[in-house]
Amino acid sequence: DAARAHLEALRALVDAGDVEGLRSESLAYVASMRQHMKIEDEVLFPLGRALLTAAEINTICASHTEVGEPEPSYAFYLQEADRLLAEVLALA
C-alpha cells in the first residue's frame, strides 16, 4: 500500500510539473523500498526458511506466481523509467 501511495504521488507530481516535489518523493520511495527489502531479507525470509519445510516453500513459491497480474518484464521497467525521465527533463 505504501509503495502504491508513493507511485500515485509521483504520477501526480509529474502531472503537476513539480520537479522539487518529484525529487523529494522519489527519494522517499527509494528509502521505503530499501527498508521493505531489508525487512524481507533480514526477518521474513530467514523466518520462513526456519519454520517451513522445503515442500511448503515450494508450494508458496508456485502459488505466488499465480496471484494477481503477471509481473512486467525488466525491459518494461527500463522503458517506463526512460519515459518518466523524459517527462521530468521536459519540466526542467
N, C-alpha and C. Protein backbone atom coordinates (compact mmCIF):
# COMPACT_ATOMS: atom_id res chain seq x y z
N ASP A 1 0.82 -1.19 0.00
CA ASP A 1 0.00 0.00 0.00
C ASP A 1 0.87 1.26 0.00
N ALA A 2 1.93 1.23 0.78
CA ALA A 2 2.81 2.40 0.83
C ALA A 2 3.48 2.64 -0.51
N ALA A 3 3.91 1.56 -1.17
CA ALA A 3 4.54 1.71 -2.48
C ALA A 3 3.55 2.29 -3.49
N ARG A 4 2.32 1.81 -3.47
CA ARG A 4 1.31 2.34 -4.38
C ARG A 4 1.06 3.81 -4.11
N ALA A 5 1.03 4.19 -2.84
CA ALA A 5 0.83 5.59 -2.48
C ALA A 5 1.97 6.47 -3.01
N HIS A 6 3.20 5.98 -2.88
CA HIS A 6 4.35 6.72 -3.41
C HIS A 6 4.22 6.87 -4.93
N LEU A 7 3.86 5.79 -5.62
CA LEU A 7 3.75 5.85 -7.07
C LEU A 7 2.64 6.79 -7.52
N GLU A 8 1.53 6.79 -6.81
CA GLU A 8 0.44 7.73 -7.13
C GLU A 8 0.91 9.17 -6.91
N ALA A 9 1.63 9.40 -5.83
CA ALA A 9 2.15 10.74 -5.57
C ALA A 9 3.14 11.16 -6.66
N LEU A 10 3.99 10.23 -7.09
CA LEU A 10 4.95 10.54 -8.15
C LEU A 10 4.23 10.91 -9.43
N ARG A 11 3.18 10.15 -9.79
CA ARG A 11 2.43 10.47 -11.00
C ARG A 11 1.80 11.85 -10.91
N ALA A 12 1.23 12.17 -9.75
CA ALA A 12 0.60 13.48 -9.56
C ALA A 12 1.63 14.60 -9.66
N LEU A 13 2.82 14.38 -9.10
CA LEU A 13 3.86 15.39 -9.15
C LEU A 13 4.37 15.60 -10.57
N VAL A 14 4.48 14.52 -11.33
CA VAL A 14 4.87 14.65 -12.75
C VAL A 14 3.81 15.45 -13.49
N ASP A 15 2.54 15.10 -13.28
CA ASP A 15 1.44 15.82 -13.93
C ASP A 15 1.43 17.30 -13.55
N ALA A 16 1.78 17.60 -12.30
CA ALA A 16 1.78 18.98 -11.81
C ALA A 16 3.04 19.75 -12.22
N GLY A 17 4.04 19.03 -12.71
CA GLY A 17 5.29 19.69 -13.08
C GLY A 17 6.12 20.12 -11.89
N ASP A 18 5.94 19.48 -10.76
CA ASP A 18 6.64 19.83 -9.52
C ASP A 18 7.95 19.05 -9.42
N VAL A 19 9.01 19.63 -9.96
CA VAL A 19 10.30 18.93 -10.01
C VAL A 19 10.86 18.70 -8.61
N GLU A 20 10.79 19.72 -7.74
CA GLU A 20 11.33 19.56 -6.39
C GLU A 20 10.53 18.52 -5.60
N GLY A 21 9.20 18.55 -5.74
CA GLY A 21 8.38 17.55 -5.08
C GLY A 21 8.67 16.17 -5.61
N LEU A 22 8.90 16.07 -6.91
CA LEU A 22 9.22 14.78 -7.54
C LEU A 22 10.54 14.24 -7.01
N ARG A 23 11.50 15.11 -6.87
CA ARG A 23 12.81 14.70 -6.34
C ARG A 23 12.64 14.17 -4.90
N SER A 24 11.92 14.92 -4.08
CA SER A 24 11.73 14.55 -2.69
C SER A 24 10.95 13.24 -2.57
N GLU A 25 9.86 13.11 -3.31
CA GLU A 25 9.04 11.89 -3.26
C GLU A 25 9.80 10.69 -3.79
N SER A 26 10.63 10.90 -4.81
CA SER A 26 11.43 9.80 -5.36
C SER A 26 12.40 9.26 -4.31
N LEU A 27 13.03 10.17 -3.58
CA LEU A 27 13.95 9.75 -2.52
C LEU A 27 13.21 9.02 -1.40
N ALA A 28 12.02 9.49 -1.07
CA ALA A 28 11.22 8.82 -0.04
C ALA A 28 10.82 7.42 -0.49
N TYR A 29 10.46 7.29 -1.76
CA TYR A 29 10.07 5.99 -2.32
C TYR A 29 11.24 5.02 -2.28
N VAL A 30 12.40 5.47 -2.70
CA VAL A 30 13.60 4.61 -2.68
C VAL A 30 13.91 4.18 -1.25
N ALA A 31 13.85 5.11 -0.30
CA ALA A 31 14.12 4.76 1.10
C ALA A 31 13.11 3.73 1.61
N SER A 32 11.86 3.91 1.25
CA SER A 32 10.81 2.97 1.66
C SER A 32 11.05 1.58 1.09
N MET A 33 11.42 1.52 -0.18
CA MET A 33 11.66 0.22 -0.81
C MET A 33 12.90 -0.46 -0.22
N ARG A 34 13.92 0.32 0.08
CA ARG A 34 15.13 -0.26 0.70
C ARG A 34 14.80 -0.84 2.07
N GLN A 35 13.99 -0.13 2.84
CA GLN A 35 13.60 -0.62 4.17
C GLN A 35 12.76 -1.89 4.03
N HIS A 36 11.84 -1.89 3.08
CA HIS A 36 10.99 -3.06 2.83
C HIS A 36 11.85 -4.28 2.48
N MET A 37 12.79 -4.10 1.57
CA MET A 37 13.65 -5.22 1.17
C MET A 37 14.54 -5.69 2.31
N LYS A 38 15.01 -4.75 3.14
CA LYS A 38 15.84 -5.11 4.29
C LYS A 38 15.05 -5.99 5.27
N ILE A 39 13.81 -5.61 5.53
CA ILE A 39 12.97 -6.40 6.44
C ILE A 39 12.73 -7.79 5.85
N GLU A 40 12.46 -7.85 4.55
CA GLU A 40 12.27 -9.16 3.92
C GLU A 40 13.53 -10.01 4.06
N ASP A 41 14.68 -9.42 3.70
CA ASP A 41 15.93 -10.16 3.71
C ASP A 41 16.39 -10.58 5.11
N GLU A 42 16.20 -9.70 6.09
CA GLU A 42 16.74 -9.95 7.42
C GLU A 42 15.76 -10.61 8.38
N VAL A 43 14.45 -10.50 8.11
CA VAL A 43 13.46 -11.03 9.05
C VAL A 43 12.56 -12.07 8.39
N LEU A 44 11.82 -11.65 7.39
CA LEU A 44 10.78 -12.51 6.81
C LEU A 44 11.34 -13.77 6.17
N PHE A 45 12.30 -13.64 5.26
CA PHE A 45 12.81 -14.82 4.57
C PHE A 45 13.54 -15.78 5.51
N PRO A 46 14.41 -15.30 6.42
CA PRO A 46 15.03 -16.24 7.36
C PRO A 46 14.00 -16.94 8.25
N LEU A 47 12.97 -16.21 8.67
CA LEU A 47 11.93 -16.82 9.49
C LEU A 47 11.20 -17.91 8.70
N GLY A 48 10.87 -17.62 7.46
CA GLY A 48 10.21 -18.61 6.62
C GLY A 48 11.07 -19.85 6.42
N ARG A 49 12.36 -19.65 6.17
CA ARG A 49 13.26 -20.80 5.99
C ARG A 49 13.38 -21.63 7.27
N ALA A 50 13.29 -20.96 8.42
CA ALA A 50 13.42 -21.67 9.70
C ALA A 50 12.15 -22.43 10.06
N LEU A 51 11.00 -21.93 9.67
CA LEU A 51 9.73 -22.51 10.11
C LEU A 51 9.07 -23.43 9.09
N LEU A 52 9.38 -23.26 7.82
CA LEU A 52 8.70 -24.02 6.77
C LEU A 52 9.57 -25.12 6.21
N THR A 53 8.92 -26.18 5.76
CA THR A 53 9.66 -27.25 5.09
C THR A 53 9.93 -26.83 3.65
N ALA A 54 10.83 -27.55 3.01
CA ALA A 54 11.14 -27.27 1.60
C ALA A 54 9.89 -27.42 0.74
N ALA A 55 9.07 -28.41 1.02
CA ALA A 55 7.84 -28.62 0.25
C ALA A 55 6.88 -27.43 0.43
N GLU A 56 6.77 -26.92 1.64
CA GLU A 56 5.90 -25.77 1.89
C GLU A 56 6.40 -24.52 1.17
N ILE A 57 7.71 -24.33 1.19
CA ILE A 57 8.30 -23.18 0.49
C ILE A 57 8.04 -23.30 -1.00
N ASN A 58 8.21 -24.48 -1.56
CA ASN A 58 7.95 -24.68 -2.99
C ASN A 58 6.49 -24.41 -3.33
N THR A 59 5.58 -24.82 -2.47
CA THR A 59 4.15 -24.56 -2.69
C THR A 59 3.86 -23.06 -2.68
N ILE A 60 4.44 -22.37 -1.73
CA ILE A 60 4.25 -20.92 -1.63
C ILE A 60 4.81 -20.24 -2.89
N CYS A 61 5.99 -20.62 -3.29
CA CYS A 61 6.60 -20.01 -4.48
C CYS A 61 5.76 -20.27 -5.73
N ALA A 62 5.27 -21.48 -5.86
CA ALA A 62 4.45 -21.82 -7.03
C ALA A 62 3.15 -21.04 -7.03
N SER A 63 2.52 -20.91 -5.87
CA SER A 63 1.24 -20.20 -5.82
C SER A 63 1.43 -18.69 -5.96
N HIS A 64 2.57 -18.18 -5.56
CA HIS A 64 2.82 -16.75 -5.65
C HIS A 64 2.79 -16.27 -7.10
N THR A 65 3.28 -17.08 -8.01
CA THR A 65 3.30 -16.67 -9.41
C THR A 65 1.91 -16.66 -10.02
N GLU A 66 0.94 -17.28 -9.33
CA GLU A 66 -0.43 -17.34 -9.85
C GLU A 66 -1.30 -16.20 -9.32
N VAL A 67 -0.81 -15.42 -8.38
CA VAL A 67 -1.60 -14.38 -7.74
C VAL A 67 -1.45 -13.07 -8.50
N GLY A 68 -2.57 -12.41 -8.76
CA GLY A 68 -2.53 -11.08 -9.36
C GLY A 68 -2.15 -11.08 -10.82
N GLU A 69 -1.79 -9.90 -11.27
CA GLU A 69 -1.41 -9.72 -12.67
C GLU A 69 0.01 -10.22 -12.89
N PRO A 70 0.35 -10.58 -14.13
CA PRO A 70 1.72 -11.02 -14.41
C PRO A 70 2.71 -9.88 -14.14
N GLU A 71 3.86 -10.25 -13.66
CA GLU A 71 4.92 -9.28 -13.38
C GLU A 71 5.45 -8.71 -14.70
N PRO A 72 5.52 -7.37 -14.82
CA PRO A 72 6.09 -6.80 -16.04
C PRO A 72 7.56 -7.20 -16.18
N SER A 73 8.03 -7.19 -17.39
CA SER A 73 9.41 -7.57 -17.65
C SER A 73 10.37 -6.46 -17.25
N TYR A 74 11.62 -6.82 -17.12
CA TYR A 74 12.67 -5.84 -16.83
C TYR A 74 12.71 -4.78 -17.92
N ALA A 75 12.55 -5.20 -19.17
CA ALA A 75 12.55 -4.26 -20.30
C ALA A 75 11.42 -3.24 -20.14
N PHE A 76 10.26 -3.68 -19.64
CA PHE A 76 9.15 -2.76 -19.41
C PHE A 76 9.56 -1.69 -18.41
N TYR A 77 10.21 -2.10 -17.31
CA TYR A 77 10.63 -1.13 -16.30
C TYR A 77 11.64 -0.13 -16.86
N LEU A 78 12.56 -0.60 -17.67
CA LEU A 78 13.53 0.31 -18.30
C LEU A 78 12.82 1.30 -19.21
N GLN A 79 11.88 0.81 -19.99
CA GLN A 79 11.14 1.67 -20.89
C GLN A 79 10.32 2.71 -20.10
N GLU A 80 9.70 2.27 -19.03
CA GLU A 80 8.91 3.17 -18.20
C GLU A 80 9.80 4.21 -17.52
N ALA A 81 10.97 3.80 -17.06
CA ALA A 81 11.91 4.74 -16.45
C ALA A 81 12.37 5.78 -17.46
N ASP A 82 12.66 5.36 -18.68
CA ASP A 82 13.05 6.30 -19.73
C ASP A 82 11.93 7.29 -20.03
N ARG A 83 10.69 6.80 -20.06
CA ARG A 83 9.55 7.67 -20.34
C ARG A 83 9.39 8.71 -19.23
N LEU A 84 9.47 8.26 -17.98
CA LEU A 84 9.33 9.18 -16.85
C LEU A 84 10.48 10.18 -16.80
N LEU A 85 11.68 9.73 -17.10
CA LEU A 85 12.82 10.64 -17.12
C LEU A 85 12.63 11.71 -18.19
N ALA A 86 12.14 11.34 -19.35
CA ALA A 86 11.89 12.32 -20.41
C ALA A 86 10.86 13.35 -19.94
N GLU A 87 9.83 12.90 -19.23
CA GLU A 87 8.82 13.83 -18.72
C GLU A 87 9.43 14.79 -17.69
N VAL A 88 10.26 14.25 -16.80
CA VAL A 88 10.89 15.10 -15.79
C VAL A 88 11.83 16.11 -16.44
N LEU A 89 12.61 15.67 -17.40
CA LEU A 89 13.54 16.59 -18.07
C LEU A 89 12.78 17.66 -18.83
N ALA A 90 11.64 17.34 -19.35
CA ALA A 90 10.83 18.32 -20.06
C ALA A 90 10.31 19.40 -19.10
N LEU A 91 10.20 19.08 -17.81
CA LEU A 91 9.73 20.04 -16.81
C LEU A 91 10.80 21.04 -16.42
N ALA A 92 12.05 20.64 -16.54
CA ALA A 92 13.16 21.48 -16.05
C ALA A 92 13.40 22.68 -16.93
